[in-house]
Structures are given as structure tokens and as C-alpha cells.
C-alpha atoms as a PDB file:
ATOM      1  CA  MET A   1     -10.517 -11.145  12.112  1.00  0.00           C
ATOM      2  CA  MET A   2      -6.733 -11.000  11.745  1.00  0.00           C
ATOM      3  CA  TYR A   3      -5.000 -11.321   8.400  1.00  0.00           C
ATOM      4  CA  GLU A   4      -1.381 -12.151   7.646  1.00  0.00           C
ATOM      5  CA  VAL A   5       0.546  -9.204   6.218  1.00  0.00           C
ATOM      6  CA  THR A   6       1.775 -10.084   2.744  1.00  0.00           C
ATOM      7  CA  GLY A   7       4.118  -7.099   2.285  1.00  0.00           C
ATOM      8  CA  ARG A   8       5.118  -3.600   3.393  1.00  0.00           C
ATOM      9  CA  LEU A   9       4.696  -0.504   1.218  1.00  0.00           C
ATOM     10  CA  GLU A  10       7.171   2.351   1.586  1.00  0.00           C
ATOM     11  CA  SER A  11       7.100   5.797   0.006  1.00  0.00           C
ATOM     12  CA  TRP A  12       3.462   5.169  -0.872  1.00  0.00           C
ATOM     13  CA  HIS A  13       0.823   7.490  -2.286  1.00  0.00           C
ATOM     14  CA  ILE A  14      -2.812   7.297  -3.329  1.00  0.00           C
ATOM     15  CA  ASP A  15      -3.472   7.014  -7.067  1.00  0.00           C
ATOM     16  CA  ASN A  16      -4.680  10.306  -8.576  1.00  0.00           C
ATOM     17  CA  ILE A  17      -7.250   8.681 -10.871  1.00  0.00           C
ATOM     18  CA  PHE A  18      -8.337   5.610  -8.901  1.00  0.00           C
ATOM     19  CA  PRO A  19      -8.497   6.700  -5.230  1.00  0.00           C
ATOM     20  CA  ASN A  20      -8.876   3.144  -3.898  1.00  0.00           C
ATOM     21  CA  ILE A  21      -5.441   2.135  -5.194  1.00  0.00           C
ATOM     22  CA  ILE A  22      -2.070   2.868  -3.614  1.00  0.00           C
ATOM     23  CA  TRP A  23       1.330   3.015  -5.329  1.00  0.00           C
ATOM     24  CA  GLY A  24       4.509   2.281  -3.409  1.00  0.00           C
ATOM     25  CA  PHE A  25       7.711   0.293  -3.123  1.00  0.00           C
ATOM     26  CA  ILE A  26       7.150  -3.208  -1.744  1.00  0.00           C
ATOM     27  CA  TYR A  27       9.360  -4.981   0.772  1.00  0.00           C
ATOM     28  CA  GLY A  28       9.008  -8.428   2.310  1.00  0.00           C
ATOM     29  CA  ASP A  29       6.541  -9.791  -0.251  1.00  0.00           C
ATOM     30  CA  ALA A  30       5.375 -13.019   1.411  1.00  0.00           C
ATOM     31  CA  LYS A  31       3.937 -14.272  -1.884  1.00  0.00           C
ATOM     32  CA  ARG A  32       7.323 -13.782  -3.610  1.00  0.00           C
ATOM     33  CA  ARG A  33       5.838 -11.862  -6.513  1.00  0.00           C
ATOM     34  CA  TRP A  34       8.322  -8.958  -6.403  1.00  0.00           C
ATOM     35  CA  LYS A  35      11.863  -8.230  -5.275  1.00  0.00           C
ATOM     36  CA  ASP A  36      12.326  -5.767  -2.404  1.00  0.00           C
ATOM     37  CA  GLY A  37      12.120  -2.189  -3.640  1.00  0.00           C
ATOM     38  CA  THR A  38       9.947  -2.912  -6.688  1.00  0.00           C
ATOM     39  CA  ARG A  39       7.387  -0.169  -7.412  1.00  0.00           C
ATOM     40  CA  ILE A  40       3.887  -1.645  -7.478  1.00  0.00           C
ATOM     41  CA  HIS A  41       0.276  -0.622  -7.138  1.00  0.00           C
ATOM     42  CA  THR A  42      -2.300  -2.445  -5.098  1.00  0.00           C
ATOM     43  CA  SER A  43      -5.538  -3.799  -6.396  1.00  0.00           C
ATOM     44  CA  TYR A  44      -8.744  -2.175  -5.129  1.00  0.00           C
ATOM     45  CA  ILE A  45      -8.444  -1.534  -1.382  1.00  0.00           C
ATOM     46  CA  VAL A  46     -11.382  -2.542   0.817  1.00  0.00           C
ATOM     47  CA  THR A  47     -10.112  -0.927   4.048  1.00  0.00           C
ATOM     48  CA  PRO A  48     -11.861   2.411   4.815  1.00  0.00           C
ATOM     49  CA  THR A  49      -9.766   5.382   3.647  1.00  0.00           C
ATOM     50  CA  GLU A  50      -9.596   6.992   7.101  1.00  0.00           C
ATOM     51  CA  GLU A  51      -7.434   4.021   8.145  1.00  0.00           C
ATOM     52  CA  TRP A  52      -4.796   4.640   5.436  1.00  0.00           C
ATOM     53  CA  ILE A  53      -2.054   5.966   7.710  1.00  0.00           C
ATOM     54  CA  GLU A  54       1.545   5.005   8.433  1.00  0.00           C
ATOM     55  CA  GLY A  55       1.649   1.787  10.438  1.00  0.00           C
ATOM     56  CA  ALA A  56      -1.824   0.647   9.367  1.00  0.00           C
ATOM     57  CA  GLU A  57      -2.656  -2.606   7.629  1.00  0.00           C
ATOM     58  CA  ILE A  58      -4.747  -2.232   4.500  1.00  0.00           C
ATOM     59  CA  LYS A  59      -6.591  -5.065   2.799  1.00  0.00           C
ATOM     60  CA  THR A  60      -7.191  -5.733  -0.864  1.00  0.00           C
ATOM     61  CA  GLN A  61      -9.050  -8.725  -2.274  1.00  0.00           C
ATOM     62  CA  ASN A  62      -5.952 -10.959  -2.100  1.00  0.00           C
ATOM     63  CA  SER A  63      -3.329  -9.167   0.014  1.00  0.00           C
ATOM     64  CA  VAL A  64      -2.734  -7.244   3.214  1.00  0.00           C
ATOM     65  CA  TYR A  65      -0.129  -4.477   3.186  1.00  0.00           C
ATOM     66  CA  LEU A  66       1.536  -2.735   6.087  1.00  0.00           C
ATOM     67  CA  LEU A  67       1.896   0.961   5.285  1.00  0.00           C
ATOM     68  CA  GLY A  68       5.359   2.311   5.986  1.00  0.00           C
ATOM     69  CA  LYS A  69       6.384   5.918   5.395  1.00  0.00           C
ATOM     70  CA  ARG A  70       4.108   7.891   3.105  1.00  0.00           C
ATOM     71  CA  MET A  71       5.643   9.689   0.123  1.00  0.00           C
ATOM     72  CA  LYS A  72       6.299  13.350   0.842  1.00  0.00           C
ATOM     73  CA  SER A  73       3.698  15.682  -0.663  1.00  0.00           C
ATOM     74  CA  THR A  74       4.004  16.480  -4.340  1.00  0.00           C
ATOM     75  CA  ALA A  75       2.871  19.452  -6.395  1.00  0.00           C
ATOM     76  CA  ASN A  76      -0.487  17.792  -7.105  1.00  0.00           C
ATOM     77  CA  GLY A  77      -1.374  17.722  -3.416  1.00  0.00           C
ATOM     78  CA  ASP A  78      -0.856  14.061  -2.666  1.00  0.00           C
END
């Protein structure tokens, strides 16, 4: 089943405490919740973690995000 992408996340990373949540900067929010470049976090992601790569579409309960460039690694390993 295909889903409509509701936004693109750039400079994203996986939350350190809740590993089924991603933080990033949203662009092209189809639901008009946020301005381009706003830092957000997703709700719980239902897409398997092995699919969380640049260019992939990830699904939450209410949205589908296209993953752009991942944030460069930080000192904590993410």
C-alpha cells in the first residue's frame, strides 16, 4: 500500500531515549503544521528500523516522512 508523503526530514537522528522516534528539521509539511526548517520529532514510528535510511519513507500513526540527509555522527554515537 502506498502512502502520501507528508513531509521531508533533514539532518535527522534517532532519539537517544525513545528509539522509535526521530528528530529532524521538516520541509514541505503537507499538513501545514510547521514552517520549513522547524525542528520537530515524529510520533512513534511503525516502519521497521532497518528501513530508516536516507531516501526511505517512514510511517508514523498519522504521517509519512521522507528521510533526507542524516545528521552527522555526534559524540554519543548517533
